[in-house]
């Protein structure tokens, strides 16, 4: 009986694969928060209207609530796709993270701490997915 000691060389994964997976989980979490924000804006717009004087642009709160709700749901779905290593989901994740960043920059004068955190997390997600997302396929 002959045994073969053939070892198959697997490509070495960088530690950034974990960061890309973390980005997928983070996208799901950020999307869920955005859905909650959209629901609050739709059902309790009196909370948001008190801060409208601080915004640089006028906002229709019903439209803004639906926008957050839809973007949040899409972000959750894209985050799941990133965890599965889907190429289209990675491209959509970068696009949605960019849109979320700009949307949070609008709210920056009103919620500076929260919006700064969301913008920073979006930028981390964008970097991890763009620079190291291809490594998930392996």
N, C-alpha and C. Protein backbone atom coordinates (compact mmCIF):
# COMPACT_ATOMS: atom_id res chain seq x y z
N UNK A 1 0.84 -1.16 0.00
CA UNK A 1 0.00 0.00 0.00
C UNK A 1 0.90 1.23 0.00
N UNK A 2 0.61 2.12 -0.86
CA UNK A 2 1.41 3.32 -1.00
C UNK A 2 0.61 4.53 -0.53
N UNK A 3 1.24 5.33 0.26
CA UNK A 3 0.58 6.57 0.69
C UNK A 3 1.29 7.75 0.05
N UNK A 4 0.53 8.68 -0.29
CA UNK A 4 1.08 9.86 -0.95
C UNK A 4 1.15 11.01 0.05
N UNK A 5 2.28 11.61 0.12
CA UNK A 5 2.45 12.77 1.00
C UNK A 5 2.35 14.07 0.21
N UNK A 6 1.45 14.09 -0.72
CA UNK A 6 1.27 15.29 -1.54
C UNK A 6 0.49 16.32 -0.72
N UNK A 7 1.08 17.47 -0.60
CA UNK A 7 0.37 18.54 0.09
C UNK A 7 -0.01 19.60 -0.93
N UNK A 8 -1.21 20.04 -0.83
CA UNK A 8 -1.69 21.07 -1.74
C UNK A 8 -1.44 22.43 -1.13
N UNK A 9 -0.80 23.25 -1.90
CA UNK A 9 -0.48 24.60 -1.41
C UNK A 9 -1.71 25.48 -1.55
N UNK A 10 -2.16 25.97 -0.43
CA UNK A 10 -3.27 26.92 -0.43
C UNK A 10 -2.69 28.32 -0.39
N UNK A 11 -3.31 29.24 -1.11
CA UNK A 11 -2.80 30.61 -1.06
C UNK A 11 -2.92 31.16 0.35
N UNK A 12 -1.91 31.87 0.74
CA UNK A 12 -1.87 32.44 2.09
C UNK A 12 -2.84 33.62 2.16
N UNK A 13 -3.74 33.57 3.11
CA UNK A 13 -4.69 34.66 3.29
C UNK A 13 -4.09 35.69 4.23
N UNK A 14 -4.35 36.93 3.91
CA UNK A 14 -3.84 37.99 4.77
C UNK A 14 -4.78 38.18 5.94
N UNK A 15 -4.32 38.83 6.98
CA UNK A 15 -5.19 39.11 8.12
C UNK A 15 -6.36 40.01 7.76
N UNK A 16 -6.28 40.68 6.60
CA UNK A 16 -7.36 41.58 6.20
C UNK A 16 -8.63 40.84 5.83
N UNK A 17 -8.57 39.54 5.59
CA UNK A 17 -9.79 38.78 5.31
C UNK A 17 -10.75 38.91 6.48
N UNK A 18 -10.22 38.85 7.68
CA UNK A 18 -11.05 39.06 8.86
C UNK A 18 -11.65 40.45 8.90
N UNK A 19 -10.90 41.44 8.43
CA UNK A 19 -11.42 42.81 8.41
C UNK A 19 -12.53 42.95 7.37
N UNK A 20 -12.42 42.25 6.25
CA UNK A 20 -13.49 42.29 5.25
C UNK A 20 -14.74 41.63 5.81
N UNK A 21 -14.57 40.51 6.52
CA UNK A 21 -15.72 39.87 7.16
C UNK A 21 -16.32 40.78 8.23
N UNK A 22 -15.45 41.46 8.97
CA UNK A 22 -15.93 42.43 9.95
C UNK A 22 -16.71 43.54 9.25
N UNK A 23 -16.26 43.95 8.07
CA UNK A 23 -16.98 44.97 7.31
C UNK A 23 -18.37 44.49 6.92
N UNK A 24 -18.49 43.22 6.56
CA UNK A 24 -19.81 42.68 6.25
C UNK A 24 -20.74 42.72 7.44
N UNK A 25 -20.23 42.33 8.60
CA UNK A 25 -21.03 42.38 9.82
C UNK A 25 -21.37 43.83 10.17
N UNK A 26 -20.40 44.71 9.99
CA UNK A 26 -20.60 46.13 10.28
C UNK A 26 -21.64 46.73 9.35
N UNK A 27 -21.64 46.33 8.08
CA UNK A 27 -22.65 46.81 7.15
C UNK A 27 -24.05 46.36 7.58
N UNK A 28 -24.16 45.13 8.05
CA UNK A 28 -25.46 44.65 8.54
C UNK A 28 -25.91 45.49 9.73
N UNK A 29 -25.00 45.76 10.64
CA UNK A 29 -25.32 46.55 11.82
C UNK A 29 -25.68 47.99 11.46
N UNK A 30 -24.87 48.60 10.60
CA UNK A 30 -25.16 49.97 10.18
C UNK A 30 -26.48 50.05 9.42
N UNK A 31 -26.76 49.05 8.59
CA UNK A 31 -28.04 49.02 7.89
C UNK A 31 -29.21 48.90 8.84
N UNK A 32 -29.06 48.07 9.87
CA UNK A 32 -30.13 47.94 10.86
C UNK A 32 -30.37 49.25 11.60
N UNK A 33 -29.29 49.94 11.95
CA UNK A 33 -29.44 51.25 12.60
C UNK A 33 -30.11 52.25 11.66
N UNK A 34 -29.79 52.18 10.37
CA UNK A 34 -30.38 53.08 9.41
C UNK A 34 -31.87 52.79 9.24
N UNK A 35 -32.25 51.51 9.28
CA UNK A 35 -33.67 51.15 9.22
C UNK A 35 -34.40 51.72 10.44
N UNK A 36 -33.79 51.58 11.61
CA UNK A 36 -34.40 52.13 12.83
C UNK A 36 -34.53 53.64 12.73
N UNK A 37 -33.50 54.30 12.22
CA UNK A 37 -33.55 55.75 12.05
C UNK A 37 -34.65 56.14 11.07
N UNK A 38 -34.79 55.37 9.99
CA UNK A 38 -35.87 55.64 9.04
C UNK A 38 -37.24 55.48 9.65
N UNK A 39 -37.41 54.43 10.46
CA UNK A 39 -38.71 54.22 11.12
C UNK A 39 -39.01 55.33 12.12
N UNK A 40 -38.00 55.75 12.87
CA UNK A 40 -38.20 56.85 13.82
C UNK A 40 -38.56 58.13 13.07
N UNK A 41 -37.90 58.39 11.96
CA UNK A 41 -38.19 59.59 11.18
C UNK A 41 -39.60 59.54 10.61
N UNK A 42 -40.06 58.36 10.20
CA UNK A 42 -41.41 58.25 9.65
C UNK A 42 -42.50 58.38 10.71
N UNK A 43 -42.30 57.75 11.86
CA UNK A 43 -43.35 57.70 12.86
C UNK A 43 -43.26 58.77 13.94
N UNK A 44 -42.07 59.30 14.14
CA UNK A 44 -41.89 60.35 15.16
C UNK A 44 -41.10 61.52 14.58
N UNK A 45 -41.62 62.10 13.51
CA UNK A 45 -40.89 63.17 12.85
C UNK A 45 -40.80 64.44 13.70
N UNK A 46 -41.61 64.52 14.77
CA UNK A 46 -41.50 65.67 15.67
C UNK A 46 -40.15 65.70 16.38
N UNK A 47 -39.55 64.54 16.57
CA UNK A 47 -38.22 64.48 17.18
C UNK A 47 -37.19 65.11 16.24
N UNK A 48 -37.28 64.77 14.97
CA UNK A 48 -36.31 65.26 14.00
C UNK A 48 -36.55 66.72 13.62
N UNK A 49 -37.80 67.15 13.57
CA UNK A 49 -38.09 68.51 13.13
C UNK A 49 -37.56 69.56 14.08
N UNK A 50 -37.37 69.17 15.33
CA UNK A 50 -36.82 70.12 16.30
C UNK A 50 -35.38 70.48 15.96
N UNK A 51 -34.71 69.62 15.23
CA UNK A 51 -33.31 69.87 14.89
C UNK A 51 -33.14 70.36 13.46
N UNK A 52 -34.23 70.54 12.72
CA UNK A 52 -34.14 70.91 11.31
C UNK A 52 -33.52 72.30 11.10
N UNK A 53 -33.59 73.16 12.07
CA UNK A 53 -33.03 74.50 11.92
C UNK A 53 -31.51 74.47 11.79
N UNK A 54 -30.88 73.41 12.27
CA UNK A 54 -29.42 73.30 12.22
C UNK A 54 -28.90 72.74 10.90
N UNK A 55 -29.79 72.21 10.07
CA UNK A 55 -29.35 71.58 8.83
C UNK A 55 -29.10 72.62 7.75
N UNK A 56 -28.14 72.33 6.90
CA UNK A 56 -27.77 73.26 5.83
C UNK A 56 -28.79 73.26 4.70
N UNK A 57 -29.50 72.14 4.52
CA UNK A 57 -30.48 72.05 3.44
C UNK A 57 -31.84 71.69 4.02
N UNK A 58 -32.92 72.18 3.40
CA UNK A 58 -34.25 71.79 3.90
C UNK A 58 -34.54 70.33 3.56
N UNK A 59 -35.21 69.65 4.48
CA UNK A 59 -35.45 68.22 4.32
C UNK A 59 -36.93 67.93 4.50
N UNK A 60 -37.49 67.13 3.60
CA UNK A 60 -38.82 66.58 3.76
C UNK A 60 -38.63 65.31 4.59
N UNK A 61 -39.13 65.31 5.81
CA UNK A 61 -38.84 64.21 6.73
C UNK A 61 -39.46 62.89 6.32
N UNK A 62 -40.60 62.93 5.63
CA UNK A 62 -41.19 61.68 5.16
C UNK A 62 -40.30 61.04 4.10
N UNK A 63 -39.85 61.85 3.15
CA UNK A 63 -38.96 61.32 2.11
C UNK A 63 -37.64 60.86 2.71
N UNK A 64 -37.12 61.62 3.67
CA UNK A 64 -35.86 61.25 4.31
C UNK A 64 -36.00 59.94 5.09
N UNK A 65 -37.14 59.75 5.73
CA UNK A 65 -37.39 58.51 6.46
C UNK A 65 -37.43 57.30 5.53
N UNK A 66 -38.14 57.44 4.41
CA UNK A 66 -38.19 56.34 3.44
C UNK A 66 -36.82 56.07 2.83
N UNK A 67 -36.06 57.15 2.61
CA UNK A 67 -34.71 56.98 2.07
C UNK A 67 -33.85 56.18 3.03
N UNK A 68 -33.89 56.53 4.31
CA UNK A 68 -33.11 55.78 5.30
C UNK A 68 -33.58 54.34 5.40
N UNK A 69 -34.88 54.14 5.36
CA UNK A 69 -35.44 52.79 5.47
C UNK A 69 -34.98 51.91 4.31
N UNK A 70 -35.06 52.42 3.09
CA UNK A 70 -34.67 51.65 1.91
C UNK A 70 -33.16 51.43 1.88
N UNK A 71 -32.39 52.49 2.14
CA UNK A 71 -30.92 52.33 2.15
C UNK A 71 -30.48 51.36 3.23
N UNK A 72 -31.13 51.41 4.38
CA UNK A 72 -30.78 50.50 5.46
C UNK A 72 -31.06 49.05 5.10
N UNK A 73 -32.22 48.80 4.50
CA UNK A 73 -32.56 47.43 4.10
C UNK A 73 -31.59 46.92 3.04
N UNK A 74 -31.26 47.78 2.07
CA UNK A 74 -30.29 47.39 1.04
C UNK A 74 -28.91 47.12 1.65
N UNK A 75 -28.53 47.93 2.63
CA UNK A 75 -27.22 47.76 3.27
C UNK A 75 -27.16 46.44 4.03
N UNK A 76 -28.24 46.05 4.68
CA UNK A 76 -28.28 44.76 5.37
C UNK A 76 -28.11 43.62 4.36
N UNK A 77 -28.83 43.69 3.25
CA UNK A 77 -28.72 42.63 2.23
C UNK A 77 -27.32 42.57 1.62
N UNK A 78 -26.75 43.74 1.37
CA UNK A 78 -25.41 43.79 0.79
C UNK A 78 -24.38 43.28 1.80
N UNK A 79 -24.56 43.57 3.08
CA UNK A 79 -23.66 43.05 4.11
C UNK A 79 -23.67 41.53 4.15
N UNK A 80 -24.84 40.95 3.98
CA UNK A 80 -24.93 39.49 3.92
C UNK A 80 -24.20 38.97 2.69
N UNK A 81 -24.34 39.68 1.57
CA UNK A 81 -23.63 39.29 0.35
C UNK A 81 -22.13 39.38 0.50
N UNK A 82 -21.65 40.40 1.21
CA UNK A 82 -20.21 40.54 1.45
C UNK A 82 -19.71 39.36 2.28
N UNK A 83 -20.47 38.96 3.28
CA UNK A 83 -20.07 37.81 4.09
C UNK A 83 -19.98 36.53 3.26
N UNK A 84 -20.79 36.45 2.22
CA UNK A 84 -20.75 35.27 1.35
C UNK A 84 -19.69 35.37 0.27
N UNK A 85 -19.02 36.53 0.15
CA UNK A 85 -17.95 36.70 -0.83
C UNK A 85 -18.44 37.07 -2.22
N UNK A 86 -19.66 37.54 -2.35
CA UNK A 86 -20.25 37.91 -3.63
C UNK A 86 -19.59 39.17 -4.18
N UNK A 87 -19.14 39.11 -5.43
CA UNK A 87 -18.46 40.26 -6.05
C UNK A 87 -19.40 41.43 -6.23
N UNK A 88 -20.62 41.18 -6.70
CA UNK A 88 -21.59 42.25 -6.88
C UNK A 88 -21.91 42.92 -5.55
N UNK A 89 -22.02 42.13 -4.51
CA UNK A 89 -22.32 42.68 -3.18
C UNK A 89 -21.19 43.58 -2.69
N UNK A 90 -19.95 43.23 -3.01
CA UNK A 90 -18.83 44.09 -2.61
C UNK A 90 -18.90 45.43 -3.31
N UNK A 91 -19.22 45.43 -4.61
CA UNK A 91 -19.33 46.68 -5.35
C UNK A 91 -20.50 47.51 -4.82
N UNK A 92 -21.62 46.85 -4.56
CA UNK A 92 -22.79 47.56 -4.02
C UNK A 92 -22.51 48.08 -2.61
N UNK A 93 -21.73 47.34 -1.84
CA UNK A 93 -21.40 47.77 -0.48
C UNK A 93 -20.60 49.06 -0.50
N UNK A 94 -19.66 49.16 -1.42
CA UNK A 94 -18.86 50.39 -1.53
C UNK A 94 -19.77 51.55 -1.91
N UNK A 95 -20.65 51.34 -2.87
CA UNK A 95 -21.57 52.39 -3.30
C UNK A 95 -22.50 52.82 -2.16
N UNK A 96 -23.08 51.86 -1.46
CA UNK A 96 -23.99 52.19 -0.36
C UNK A 96 -23.26 52.85 0.81
N UNK A 97 -22.04 52.43 1.07
CA UNK A 97 -21.26 53.07 2.13
C UNK A 97 -20.94 54.52 1.77
N UNK A 98 -20.70 54.78 0.49
CA UNK A 98 -20.47 56.16 0.06
C UNK A 98 -21.73 57.00 0.21
N UNK A 99 -22.87 56.45 -0.18
CA UNK A 99 -24.14 57.17 -0.04
C UNK A 99 -24.44 57.43 1.43
N UNK A 100 -24.21 56.43 2.27
CA UNK A 100 -24.43 56.59 3.70
C UNK A 100 -23.51 57.66 4.29
N UNK A 101 -22.27 57.71 3.80
CA UNK A 101 -21.34 58.73 4.28
C UNK A 101 -21.84 60.12 3.95
N UNK A 102 -22.28 60.32 2.72
CA UNK A 102 -22.80 61.64 2.34
C UNK A 102 -24.08 61.99 3.08
N UNK A 103 -24.95 60.99 3.29
CA UNK A 103 -26.19 61.24 4.04
C UNK A 103 -25.88 61.65 5.48
N UNK A 104 -24.87 61.04 6.07
CA UNK A 104 -24.51 61.39 7.44
C UNK A 104 -23.78 62.73 7.51
N UNK A 105 -23.13 63.13 6.45
CA UNK A 105 -22.52 64.46 6.44
C UNK A 105 -23.58 65.56 6.46
N UNK A 106 -24.76 65.28 5.90
CA UNK A 106 -25.86 66.24 5.96
C UNK A 106 -26.31 66.44 7.40
N UNK A 107 -26.35 65.36 8.16
CA UNK A 107 -26.78 65.42 9.56
C UNK A 107 -25.66 65.79 10.53
N UNK A 108 -24.45 65.99 10.05
CA UNK A 108 -23.31 66.27 10.93
C UNK A 108 -23.52 67.45 11.88
N UNK A 109 -24.11 68.57 11.43
CA UNK A 109 -24.31 69.67 12.39
C UNK A 109 -25.27 69.32 13.53
N UNK A 110 -26.18 68.39 13.28
CA UNK A 110 -27.19 68.05 14.28
C UNK A 110 -26.70 66.97 15.25
N UNK A 111 -26.10 65.92 14.69
CA UNK A 111 -25.61 64.80 15.49
C UNK A 111 -24.11 64.60 15.21
N UNK A 112 -23.26 65.48 15.70
CA UNK A 112 -21.84 65.41 15.31
C UNK A 112 -21.14 64.13 15.77
N UNK A 113 -21.41 63.65 16.97
CA UNK A 113 -20.73 62.48 17.48
C UNK A 113 -21.15 61.23 16.71
N UNK A 114 -22.45 60.99 16.61
CA UNK A 114 -22.96 59.80 15.95
C UNK A 114 -22.59 59.79 14.47
N UNK A 115 -22.76 60.90 13.79
CA UNK A 115 -22.46 60.95 12.36
C UNK A 115 -20.97 60.77 12.09
N UNK A 116 -20.13 61.29 12.96
CA UNK A 116 -18.69 61.10 12.80
C UNK A 116 -18.32 59.63 12.93
N UNK A 117 -18.95 58.93 13.86
CA UNK A 117 -18.69 57.50 14.03
C UNK A 117 -19.14 56.72 12.80
N UNK A 118 -20.33 57.02 12.30
CA UNK A 118 -20.85 56.31 11.13
C UNK A 118 -19.99 56.58 9.90
N UNK A 119 -19.56 57.82 9.71
CA UNK A 119 -18.69 58.15 8.58
C UNK A 119 -17.38 57.38 8.69
N UNK A 120 -16.79 57.34 9.87
CA UNK A 120 -15.53 56.62 10.06
C UNK A 120 -15.70 55.12 9.79
N UNK A 121 -16.78 54.53 10.28
CA UNK A 121 -17.02 53.10 10.05
C UNK A 121 -17.26 52.81 8.57
N UNK A 122 -17.97 53.72 7.89
CA UNK A 122 -18.18 53.54 6.45
C UNK A 122 -16.86 53.59 5.69
N UNK A 123 -15.97 54.48 6.08
CA UNK A 123 -14.68 54.59 5.40
C UNK A 123 -13.84 53.34 5.65
N UNK A 124 -13.89 52.80 6.86
CA UNK A 124 -13.18 51.54 7.14
C UNK A 124 -13.74 50.41 6.28
N UNK A 125 -15.07 50.34 6.16
CA UNK A 125 -15.68 49.31 5.31
C UNK A 125 -15.24 49.46 3.86
N UNK A 126 -15.27 50.69 3.36
CA UNK A 126 -14.88 50.93 1.97
C UNK A 126 -13.44 50.49 1.75
N UNK A 127 -12.54 50.89 2.64
CA UNK A 127 -11.14 50.52 2.48
C UNK A 127 -10.95 49.01 2.50
N UNK A 128 -11.54 48.35 3.49
CA UNK A 128 -11.33 46.90 3.62
C UNK A 128 -11.87 46.16 2.40
N UNK A 129 -13.02 46.58 1.90
CA UNK A 129 -13.63 45.89 0.77
C UNK A 129 -12.86 46.17 -0.52
N UNK A 130 -12.47 47.42 -0.74
CA UNK A 130 -11.77 47.76 -1.98
C UNK A 130 -10.36 47.16 -1.99
N UNK A 131 -9.65 47.29 -0.90
CA UNK A 131 -8.25 46.85 -0.89
C UNK A 131 -8.10 45.34 -0.73
N UNK A 132 -9.00 44.70 -0.01
CA UNK A 132 -8.79 43.29 0.31
C UNK A 132 -10.00 42.40 0.09
N UNK A 133 -11.03 42.91 -0.56
CA UNK A 133 -12.26 42.13 -0.77
C UNK A 133 -12.06 40.93 -1.66
N UNK A 134 -11.13 41.01 -2.57
CA UNK A 134 -10.89 39.91 -3.51
C UNK A 134 -10.38 38.66 -2.79
N UNK A 135 -9.77 38.85 -1.65
CA UNK A 135 -9.22 37.72 -0.90
C UNK A 135 -10.30 36.83 -0.29
N UNK A 136 -11.53 37.31 -0.24
CA UNK A 136 -12.62 36.50 0.31
C UNK A 136 -12.95 35.31 -0.58
N UNK A 137 -12.73 35.44 -1.86
CA UNK A 137 -13.06 34.33 -2.78
C UNK A 137 -12.27 33.08 -2.46
N UNK A 138 -11.05 33.26 -1.99
CA UNK A 138 -10.21 32.09 -1.65
C UNK A 138 -10.75 31.46 -0.40
